[in-house]
Amino acid sequence: MSDTSQCRDYAAVTKVRATDPAAIARAWAHRTTRPTLRGNGRLMIVAADHPARGALAVGSRPTAMNSRTDLLDRLRAALADPGVDGVLATA
């Protein structure tokens, strides 16, 4: 994996997974963590398990949440907020 330890787009994720699958484990092993509870002692967890539960509809749009890349884009936006502590998700 590159010096930045981040993939900039989905093509880069695919390339890493195909050419250096151990890079994911290395990045996980070298990640930095912070205390679980901060400030007011509450956690902000983003729910991202909708596709695994088959909950894909939003209002009148029955397949509004069926795109994995759209879900990943929304997760990236949510996790960029320093107030978000984690994700509840399935593989």
PDB file of N, CA and C in Angstrom:
ATOM      1  N   MET A   1       0.849  -1.172   0.000  1.00  0.00           N
ATOM      2  CA  MET A   1       0.000   0.000   0.000  1.00  0.00           C
ATOM      3  C   MET A   1       0.892   1.232   0.000  1.00  0.00           C
ATOM      4  N   SER A   2       0.362   2.354  -0.423  1.00  0.00           N
ATOM      5  CA  SER A   2       1.153   3.574  -0.551  1.00  0.00           C
ATOM      6  C   SER A   2       1.479   4.187   0.801  1.00  0.00           C
ATOM      7  N   ASP A   3       2.288   5.228   0.775  1.00  0.00           N
ATOM      8  CA  ASP A   3       2.689   5.937   1.985  1.00  0.00           C
ATOM      9  C   ASP A   3       1.508   6.543   2.730  1.00  0.00           C
ATOM     10  N   THR A   4       0.456   6.906   2.018  1.00  0.00           N
ATOM     11  CA  THR A   4      -0.673   7.583   2.654  1.00  0.00           C
ATOM     12  C   THR A   4      -1.548   6.621   3.452  1.00  0.00           C
ATOM     13  N   SER A   5      -1.443   5.342   3.218  1.00  0.00           N
ATOM     14  CA  SER A   5      -2.222   4.285   3.869  1.00  0.00           C
ATOM     15  C   SER A   5      -3.712   4.437   3.645  1.00  0.00           C
ATOM     16  N   GLN A   6      -4.100   5.228   2.669  1.00  0.00           N
ATOM     17  CA  GLN A   6      -5.514   5.367   2.327  1.00  0.00           C
ATOM     18  C   GLN A   6      -5.688   5.219   0.835  1.00  0.00           C
ATOM     19  N   CYS A   7      -6.801   4.628   0.466  1.00  0.00           N
ATOM     20  CA  CYS A   7      -7.166   4.571  -0.940  1.00  0.00           C
ATOM     21  C   CYS A   7      -8.004   5.794  -1.249  1.00  0.00           C
ATOM     22  N   ARG A   8      -7.725   6.415  -2.360  1.00  0.00           N
ATOM     23  CA  ARG A   8      -8.429   7.654  -2.728  1.00  0.00           C
ATOM     24  C   ARG A   8      -9.720   7.410  -3.500  1.00  0.00           C
ATOM     25  N   ASP A   9      -9.898   6.208  -4.064  1.00  0.00           N
ATOM     26  CA  ASP A   9     -11.125   5.902  -4.793  1.00  0.00           C
ATOM     27  C   ASP A   9     -11.356   4.394  -4.759  1.00  0.00           C
ATOM     28  N   TYR A  10     -12.500   3.961  -5.287  1.00  0.00           N
ATOM     29  CA  TYR A  10     -12.842   2.540  -5.219  1.00  0.00           C
ATOM     30  C   TYR A  10     -11.956   1.679  -6.097  1.00  0.00           C
ATOM     31  N   ALA A  11     -11.430   2.233  -7.171  1.00  0.00           N
ATOM     32  CA  ALA A  11     -10.488   1.484  -8.010  1.00  0.00           C
ATOM     33  C   ALA A  11      -9.225   1.157  -7.213  1.00  0.00           C
ATOM     34  N   ALA A  12      -8.773   2.086  -6.381  1.00  0.00           N
ATOM     35  CA  ALA A  12      -7.587   1.844  -5.552  1.00  0.00           C
ATOM     36  C   ALA A  12      -7.859   0.768  -4.502  1.00  0.00           C
ATOM     37  N   VAL A  13      -9.056   0.753  -3.947  1.00  0.00           N
ATOM     38  CA  VAL A  13      -9.422  -0.294  -2.987  1.00  0.00           C
ATOM     39  C   VAL A  13      -9.369  -1.654  -3.675  1.00  0.00           C
ATOM     40  N   THR A  14      -9.943  -1.731  -4.853  1.00  0.00           N
ATOM     41  CA  THR A  14      -9.938  -2.988  -5.613  1.00  0.00           C
ATOM     42  C   THR A  14      -8.512  -3.438  -5.909  1.00  0.00           C
ATOM     43  N   LYS A  15      -7.669  -2.501  -6.319  1.00  0.00           N
ATOM     44  CA  LYS A  15      -6.282  -2.838  -6.643  1.00  0.00           C
ATOM     45  C   LYS A  15      -5.543  -3.376  -5.413  1.00  0.00           C
ATOM     46  N   VAL A  16      -5.704  -2.708  -4.266  1.00  0.00           N
ATOM     47  CA  VAL A  16      -5.033  -3.175  -3.043  1.00  0.00           C
ATOM     48  C   VAL A  16      -5.531  -4.557  -2.658  1.00  0.00           C
ATOM     49  N   ARG A  17      -6.832  -4.743  -2.692  1.00  0.00           N
ATOM     50  CA  ARG A  17      -7.382  -6.051  -2.308  1.00  0.00           C
ATOM     51  C   ARG A  17      -6.897  -7.163  -3.232  1.00  0.00           C
ATOM     52  N   ALA A  18      -6.678  -6.835  -4.512  1.00  0.00           N
ATOM     53  CA  ALA A  18      -6.242  -7.841  -5.479  1.00  0.00           C
ATOM     54  C   ALA A  18      -4.742  -8.081  -5.441  1.00  0.00           C
ATOM     55  N   THR A  19      -3.959  -7.033  -5.179  1.00  0.00           N
ATOM     56  CA  THR A  19      -2.511  -7.168  -5.285  1.00  0.00           C
ATOM     57  C   THR A  19      -1.786  -7.263  -3.939  1.00  0.00           C
ATOM     58  N   ASP A  20      -2.412  -6.780  -2.875  1.00  0.00           N
ATOM     59  CA  ASP A  20      -1.760  -6.798  -1.558  1.00  0.00           C
ATOM     60  C   ASP A  20      -2.816  -6.918  -0.455  1.00  0.00           C
ATOM     61  N   PRO A  21      -3.532  -8.032  -0.405  1.00  0.00           N
ATOM     62  CA  PRO A  21      -4.614  -8.164   0.565  1.00  0.00           C
ATOM     63  C   PRO A  21      -4.151  -8.024   2.016  1.00  0.00           C
ATOM     64  N   ALA A  22      -2.902  -8.304   2.311  1.00  0.00           N
ATOM     65  CA  ALA A  22      -2.385  -8.167   3.677  1.00  0.00           C
ATOM     66  C   ALA A  22      -2.266  -6.702   4.093  1.00  0.00           C
ATOM     67  N   ALA A  23      -2.344  -5.773   3.137  1.00  0.00           N
ATOM     68  CA  ALA A  23      -2.255  -4.346   3.458  1.00  0.00           C
ATOM     69  C   ALA A  23      -3.372  -3.922   4.402  1.00  0.00           C
ATOM     70  N   ILE A  24      -4.525  -4.534   4.272  1.00  0.00           N
ATOM     71  CA  ILE A  24      -5.654  -4.180   5.140  1.00  0.00           C
ATOM     72  C   ILE A  24      -5.328  -4.565   6.580  1.00  0.00           C
ATOM     73  N   ALA A  25      -4.811  -5.757   6.789  1.00  0.00           N
ATOM     74  CA  ALA A  25      -4.434  -6.200   8.140  1.00  0.00           C
ATOM     75  C   ALA A  25      -3.310  -5.335   8.707  1.00  0.00           C
ATOM     76  N   ARG A  26      -2.356  -4.958   7.862  1.00  0.00           N
ATOM     77  CA  ARG A  26      -1.274  -4.081   8.329  1.00  0.00           C
ATOM     78  C   ARG A  26      -1.804  -2.714   8.760  1.00  0.00           C
ATOM     79  N   ALA A  27      -2.691  -2.162   7.962  1.00  0.00           N
ATOM     80  CA  ALA A  27      -3.265  -0.852   8.303  1.00  0.00           C
ATOM     81  C   ALA A  27      -4.055  -0.953   9.610  1.00  0.00           C
ATOM     82  N   TRP A  28      -4.797  -2.024   9.778  1.00  0.00           N
ATOM     83  CA  TRP A  28      -5.568  -2.230  11.009  1.00  0.00           C
ATOM     84  C   TRP A  28      -4.626  -2.332  12.216  1.00  0.00           C
ATOM     85  N   ALA A  29      -3.554  -3.062  12.062  1.00  0.00           N
ATOM     86  CA  ALA A  29      -2.608  -3.255  13.172  1.00  0.00           C
ATOM     87  C   ALA A  29      -1.905  -1.960  13.569  1.00  0.00           C
ATOM     88  N   HIS A  30      -1.754  -1.042  12.638  1.00  0.00           N
ATOM     89  CA  HIS A  30      -1.023   0.201  12.907  1.00  0.00           C
ATOM     90  C   HIS A  30      -1.922   1.421  13.102  1.00  0.00           C
ATOM     91  N   ARG A  31      -3.227   1.189  13.197  1.00  0.00           N
ATOM     92  CA  ARG A  31      -4.137   2.322  13.363  1.00  0.00           C
ATOM     93  C   ARG A  31      -3.969   2.941  14.742  1.00  0.00           C
ATOM     94  N   THR A  32      -4.315   4.200  14.862  1.00  0.00           N
ATOM     95  CA  THR A  32      -4.301   4.858  16.162  1.00  0.00           C
ATOM     96  C   THR A  32      -5.721   4.860  16.712  1.00  0.00           C
ATOM     97  N   THR A  33      -5.817   4.738  17.997  1.00  0.00           N
ATOM     98  CA  THR A  33      -7.131   4.737  18.635  1.00  0.00           C
ATOM     99  C   THR A  33      -7.187   5.873  19.648  1.00  0.00           C
ATOM    100  N   ARG A  34      -8.348   6.115  20.130  1.00  0.00           N
ATOM    101  CA  ARG A  34      -8.548   7.140  21.144  1.00  0.00           C
ATOM    102  C   ARG A  34      -9.402   6.532  22.255  1.00  0.00           C
ATOM    103  N   PRO A  35      -9.538   7.211  23.384  1.00  0.00           N
ATOM    104  CA  PRO A  35     -10.399   6.669  24.443  1.00  0.00           C
ATOM    105  C   PRO A  35     -11.820   6.448  23.924  1.00  0.00           C
ATOM    106  N   THR A  36     -12.446   5.381  24.382  1.00  0.00           N
ATOM    107  CA  THR A  36     -13.792   5.064  23.919  1.00  0.00           C
ATOM    108  C   THR A  36     -14.786   6.151  24.305  1.00  0.00           C
ATOM    109  N   LEU A  37     -14.785   6.553  25.549  1.00  0.00           N
ATOM    110  CA  LEU A  37     -15.704   7.592  25.999  1.00  0.00           C
ATOM    111  C   LEU A  37     -14.970   8.915  26.128  1.00  0.00           C
ATOM    112  N   ARG A  38     -15.586   9.956  25.613  1.00  0.00           N
ATOM    113  CA  ARG A  38     -15.016  11.295  25.708  1.00  0.00           C
ATOM    114  C   ARG A  38     -16.095  12.252  26.190  1.00  0.00           C
ATOM    115  N   GLY A  39     -15.668  13.414  26.606  1.00  0.00           N
ATOM    116  CA  GLY A  39     -16.598  14.495  26.911  1.00  0.00           C
ATOM    117  C   GLY A  39     -17.737  14.104  27.824  1.00  0.00           C
ATOM    118  N   ASN A  40     -18.936  14.045  27.269  1.00  0.00           N
ATOM    119  CA  ASN A  40     -20.130  13.796  28.066  1.00  0.00           C
ATOM    120  C   ASN A  40     -20.399  12.317  28.332  1.00  0.00           C
ATOM    121  N   GLY A  41     -19.509  11.431  27.902  1.00  0.00           N
ATOM    122  CA  GLY A  41     -19.670  10.001  28.162  1.00  0.00           C
ATOM    123  C   GLY A  41     -20.636   9.295  27.234  1.00  0.00           C
ATOM    124  N   ARG A  42     -21.106   9.982  26.210  1.00  0.00           N
ATOM    125  CA  ARG A  42     -22.028   9.382  25.255  1.00  0.00           C
ATOM    126  C   ARG A  42     -21.292   9.020  23.975  1.00  0.00           C
ATOM    127  N   LEU A  43     -21.820   8.037  23.262  1.00  0.00           N
ATOM    128  CA  LEU A  43     -21.246   7.617  21.986  1.00  0.00           C
ATOM    129  C   LEU A  43     -22.196   7.956  20.846  1.00  0.00           C
ATOM    130  N   MET A  44     -21.638   8.350  19.708  1.00  0.00           N
ATOM    131  CA  MET A  44     -22.423   8.549  18.495  1.00  0.00           C
ATOM    132  C   MET A  44     -22.031   7.433  17.534  1.00  0.00           C
ATOM    133  N   ILE A  45     -22.931   6.477  17.362  1.00  0.00           N
ATOM    134  CA  ILE A  45     -22.687   5.329  16.496  1.00  0.00           C
ATOM    135  C   ILE A  45     -23.556   5.465  15.247  1.00  0.00           C
ATOM    136  N   VAL A  46     -22.936   5.350  14.082  1.00  0.00           N
ATOM    137  CA  VAL A  46     -23.649   5.425  12.815  1.00  0.00           C
ATOM    138  C   VAL A  46     -24.111   4.016  12.443  1.00  0.00           C
ATOM    139  N   ALA A  47     -25.388   3.865  12.160  1.00  0.00           N
ATOM    140  CA  ALA A  47     -25.931   2.568  11.752  1.00  0.00           C
ATOM    141  C   ALA A  47     -25.722   2.374  10.257  1.00  0.00           C
ATOM    142  N   ALA A  48     -25.107   1.252   9.900  1.00  0.00           N
ATOM    143  CA  ALA A  48     -24.863   0.956   8.484  1.00  0.00           C
ATOM    144  C   ALA A  48     -25.159  -0.507   8.190  1.00  0.00           C
ATOM    145  N   ASP A  49     -26.091  -1.078   8.937  1.00  0.00           N
ATOM    146  CA  ASP A  49     -26.409  -2.496   8.745  1.00  0.00           C
ATOM    147  C   ASP A  49     -27.682  -2.695   7.927  1.00  0.00           C
ATOM    148  N   HIS A  50     -28.208  -1.638   7.358  1.00  0.00           N
ATOM    149  CA  HIS A  50     -29.461  -1.705   6.609  1.00  0.00           C
ATOM    150  C   HIS A  50     -29.458  -2.746   5.486  1.00  0.00           C
ATOM    151  N   PRO A  51     -28.421  -2.775   4.622  1.00  0.00           N
ATOM    152  CA  PRO A  51     -28.442  -3.765   3.540  1.00  0.00           C
ATOM    153  C   PRO A  51     -28.475  -5.208   4.047  1.00  0.00           C
ATOM    154  N   ALA A  52     -27.775  -5.495   5.125  1.00  0.00           N
ATOM    155  CA  ALA A  52     -27.752  -6.859   5.653  1.00  0.00           C
ATOM    156  C   ALA A  52     -29.119  -7.264   6.192  1.00  0.00           C
ATOM    157  N   ARG A  53     -29.894  -6.295   6.637  1.00  0.00           N
ATOM    158  CA  ARG A  53     -31.237  -6.572   7.145  1.00  0.00           C
ATOM    159  C   ARG A  53     -32.282  -6.484   6.047  1.00  0.00           C
ATOM    160  N   GLY A  54     -31.860  -6.161   4.838  1.00  0.00           N
ATOM    161  CA  GLY A  54     -32.801  -6.045   3.730  1.00  0.00           C
ATOM    162  C   GLY A  54     -33.614  -4.765   3.785  1.00  0.00           C
ATOM    163  N   ALA A  55     -33.197  -3.798   4.571  1.00  0.00           N
ATOM    164  CA  ALA A  55     -33.909  -2.523   4.688  1.00  0.00           C
ATOM    165  C   ALA A  55     -33.322  -1.553   3.668  1.00  0.00           C
ATOM    166  N   LEU A  56     -33.805  -1.617   2.444  1.00  0.00           N
ATOM    167  CA  LEU A  56     -33.230  -0.835   1.360  1.00  0.00           C
ATOM    168  C   LEU A  56     -34.090   0.345   0.939  1.00  0.00           C
ATOM    169  N   ALA A  57     -35.332   0.394   1.384  1.00  0.00           N
ATOM    170  CA  ALA A  57     -36.250   1.446   0.954  1.00  0.00           C
ATOM    171  C   ALA A  57     -36.092   2.706   1.790  1.00  0.00           C
ATOM    172  N   VAL A  58     -36.313   3.830   1.126  1.00  0.00           N
ATOM    173  CA  VAL A  58     -36.405   5.119   1.793  1.00  0.00           C
ATOM    174  C   VAL A  58     -37.635   5.797   1.198  1.00  0.00           C
ATOM    175  N   GLY A  59     -38.651   5.989   2.011  1.00  0.00           N
ATOM    176  CA  GLY A  59     -39.894   6.578   1.514  1.00  0.00           C
ATOM    177  C   GLY A  59     -40.473   5.747   0.385  1.00  0.00           C
ATOM    178  N   SER A  60     -40.730   6.386  -0.742  1.00  0.00           N
ATOM    179  CA  SER A  60     -41.330   5.695  -1.887  1.00  0.00           C
ATOM    180  C   SER A  60     -40.293   5.054  -2.806  1.00  0.00           C
ATOM    181  N   ARG A  61     -39.006   5.148  -2.441  1.00  0.00           N
ATOM    182  CA  ARG A  61     -37.926   4.590  -3.276  1.00  0.00           C
ATOM    183  C   ARG A  61     -37.508   3.223  -2.726  1.00  0.00           C
ATOM    184  N   PRO A  62     -37.971   2.124  -3.322  1.00  0.00           N
ATOM    185  CA  PRO A  62     -37.715   0.790  -2.765  1.00  0.00           C
ATOM    186  C   PRO A  62     -36.257   0.338  -2.782  1.00  0.00           C
ATOM    187  N   THR A  63     -35.433   0.911  -3.639  1.00  0.00           N
ATOM    188  CA  THR A  63     -34.018   0.496  -3.719  1.00  0.00           C
ATOM    189  C   THR A  63     -33.073   1.653  -3.420  1.00  0.00           C
ATOM    190  N   ALA A  64     -33.503   2.598  -2.626  1.00  0.00           N
ATOM    191  CA  ALA A  64     -32.707   3.799  -2.359  1.00  0.00           C
ATOM    192  C   ALA A  64     -31.368   3.489  -1.692  1.00  0.00           C
ATOM    193  N   MET A  65     -31.292   2.389  -0.960  1.00  0.00           N
ATOM    194  CA  MET A  65     -30.060   2.096  -0.223  1.00  0.00           C
ATOM    195  C   MET A  65     -29.398   0.804  -0.685  1.00  0.00           C
ATOM    196  N   ASN A  66     -29.551   0.448  -1.952  1.00  0.00           N
ATOM    197  CA  ASN A  66     -28.967  -0.820  -2.399  1.00  0.00           C
ATOM    198  C   ASN A  66     -27.589  -0.679  -3.036  1.00  0.00           C
ATOM    199  N   SER A  67     -27.077   0.523  -3.154  1.00  0.00           N
ATOM    200  CA  SER A  67     -25.762   0.725  -3.770  1.00  0.00           C
ATOM    201  C   SER A  67     -24.677   0.714  -2.693  1.00  0.00           C
ATOM    202  N   ARG A  68     -23.742  -0.223  -2.796  1.00  0.00           N
ATOM    203  CA  ARG A  68     -22.651  -0.296  -1.818  1.00  0.00           C
ATOM    204  C   ARG A  68     -21.761   0.943  -1.867  1.00  0.00           C
ATOM    205  N   THR A  69     -21.491   1.441  -3.067  1.00  0.00           N
ATOM    206  CA  THR A  69     -20.625   2.615  -3.144  1.00  0.00           C
ATOM    207  C   THR A  69     -21.320   3.846  -2.571  1.00  0.00           C
ATOM    208  N   ASP A  70     -22.630   3.967  -2.771  1.00  0.00           N
ATOM    209  CA  ASP A  70     -23.357   5.080  -2.144  1.00  0.00           C
ATOM    210  C   ASP A  70     -23.297   4.964  -0.627  1.00  0.00           C
ATOM    211  N   LEU A  71     -23.462   3.746  -0.106  1.00  0.00           N
ATOM    212  CA  LEU A  71     -23.375   3.523   1.340  1.00  0.00           C
ATOM    213  C   LEU A  71     -21.978   3.893   1.845  1.00  0.00           C
ATOM    214  N   LEU A  72     -20.944   3.457   1.136  1.00  0.00           N
ATOM    215  CA  LEU A  72     -19.579   3.795   1.543  1.00  0.00           C
ATOM    216  C   LEU A  72     -19.327   5.294   1.492  1.00  0.00           C
ATOM    217  N   ASP A  73     -19.873   5.953   0.490  1.00  0.00           N
ATOM    218  CA  ASP A  73     -19.725   7.415   0.416  1.00  0.00           C
ATOM    219  C   ASP A  73     -20.383   8.084   1.623  1.00  0.00           C
ATOM    220  N   ARG A  74     -21.573   7.625   1.998  1.00  0.00           N
ATOM    221  CA  ARG A  74     -22.256   8.200   3.163  1.00  0.00           C
ATOM    222  C   ARG A  74     -21.472   7.908   4.442  1.00  0.00           C
ATOM    223  N   LEU A  75     -20.904   6.718   4.549  1.00  0.00           N
ATOM    224  CA  LEU A  75     -20.099   6.382   5.729  1.00  0.00           C
ATOM    225  C   LEU A  75     -18.843   7.240   5.809  1.00  0.00           C
ATOM    226  N   ARG A  76     -18.198   7.458   4.680  1.00  0.00           N
ATOM    227  CA  ARG A  76     -17.006   8.321   4.673  1.00  0.00           C
ATOM    228  C   ARG A  76     -17.361   9.720   5.154  1.00  0.00           C
ATOM    229  N   ALA A  77     -18.485  10.238   4.711  1.00  0.00           N
ATOM    230  CA  ALA A  77     -18.918  11.572   5.145  1.00  0.00           C
ATOM    231  C   ALA A  77     -19.213  11.585   6.640  1.00  0.00           C
ATOM    232  N   ALA A  78     -19.904  10.564   7.135  1.00  0.00           N
ATOM    233  CA  ALA A  78     -20.244  10.506   8.556  1.00  0.00           C
ATOM    234  C   ALA A  78     -18.995  10.363   9.415  1.00  0.00           C
ATOM    235  N   LEU A  79     -18.073   9.502   9.002  1.00  0.00           N
ATOM    236  CA  LEU A  79     -16.871   9.263   9.802  1.00  0.00           C
ATOM    237  C   LEU A  79     -15.880  10.416   9.745  1.00  0.00           C
ATOM    238  N   ALA A  80     -16.056  11.326   8.809  1.00  0.00           N
ATOM    239  CA  ALA A  80     -15.213  12.516   8.762  1.00  0.00           C
ATOM    240  C   ALA A  80     -15.575  13.488   9.886  1.00  0.00           C
ATOM    241  N   ASP A  81     -16.752  13.321  10.466  1.00  0.00           N
ATOM    242  CA  ASP A  81     -17.191  14.175  11.578  1.00  0.00           C
ATOM    243  C   ASP A  81     -16.501  13.694  12.855  1.00  0.00           C
ATOM    244  N   PRO A  82     -15.737  14.548  13.517  1.00  0.00           N
ATOM    245  CA  PRO A  82     -15.019  14.104  14.728  1.00  0.00           C
ATOM    246  C   PRO A  82     -15.943  13.706  15.875  1.00  0.00           C
ATOM    247  N   GLY A  83     -17.223  14.051  15.785  1.00  0.00           N
ATOM    248  CA  GLY A  83     -18.172  13.663  16.822  1.00  0.00           C
ATOM    249  C   GLY A  83     -18.694  12.241  16.674  1.00  0.00           C
ATOM    250  N   VAL A  84     -18.400  11.588  15.545  1.00  0.00           N
ATOM    251  CA  VAL A  84     -18.837  10.206  15.333  1.00  0.00           C
ATOM    252  C   VAL A  84     -17.801   9.264  15.913  1.00  0.00           C
ATOM    253  N   ASP A  85     -18.278   8.337  16.741  1.00  0.00           N
ATOM    254  CA  ASP A  85     -17.383   7.425  17.444  1.00  0.00           C
ATOM    255  C   ASP A  85     -17.198   6.068  16.766  1.00  0.00           C
ATOM    256  N   GLY A  86     -18.156   5.649  15.964  1.00  0.00           N
ATOM    257  CA  GLY A  86     -18.016   4.333  15.355  1.00  0.00           C
ATOM    258  C   GLY A  86     -19.166   3.997  14.432  1.00  0.00           C
ATOM    259  N   VAL A  87     -19.157   2.762  13.967  1.00  0.00           N
ATOM    260  CA  VAL A  87     -20.131   2.277  12.997  1.00  0.00           C
ATOM    261  C   VAL A  87     -20.684   0.941  13.464  1.00  0.00           C
ATOM    262  N   LEU A  88     -21.974   0.778  13.344  1.00  0.00           N
ATOM    263  CA  LEU A  88     -22.630  -0.504  13.548  1.00  0.00           C
ATOM    264  C   LEU A  88     -22.909  -1.039  12.155  1.00  0.00           C
ATOM    265  N   ALA A  89     -22.229  -2.114  11.762  1.00  0.00           N
ATOM    266  CA  ALA A  89     -22.358  -2.588  10.392  1.00  0.00           C
ATOM    267  C   ALA A  89     -22.152  -4.094  10.320  1.00  0.00           C
ATOM    268  N   THR A  90     -22.475  -4.644   9.181  1.00  0.00           N
ATOM    269  CA  THR A  90     -22.190  -6.047   8.883  1.00  0.00           C
ATOM    270  C   THR A  90     -21.324  -6.084   7.634  1.00  0.00           C
ATOM    271  N   ALA A  91     -20.675  -7.193   7.448  1.00  0.00           N
ATOM    272  CA  ALA A  91     -19.783  -7.331   6.279  1.00  0.00           C
ATOM    273  C   ALA A  91     -20.550  -7.249   4.988  1.00  0.00           C
TER     274      ALA A  91
END
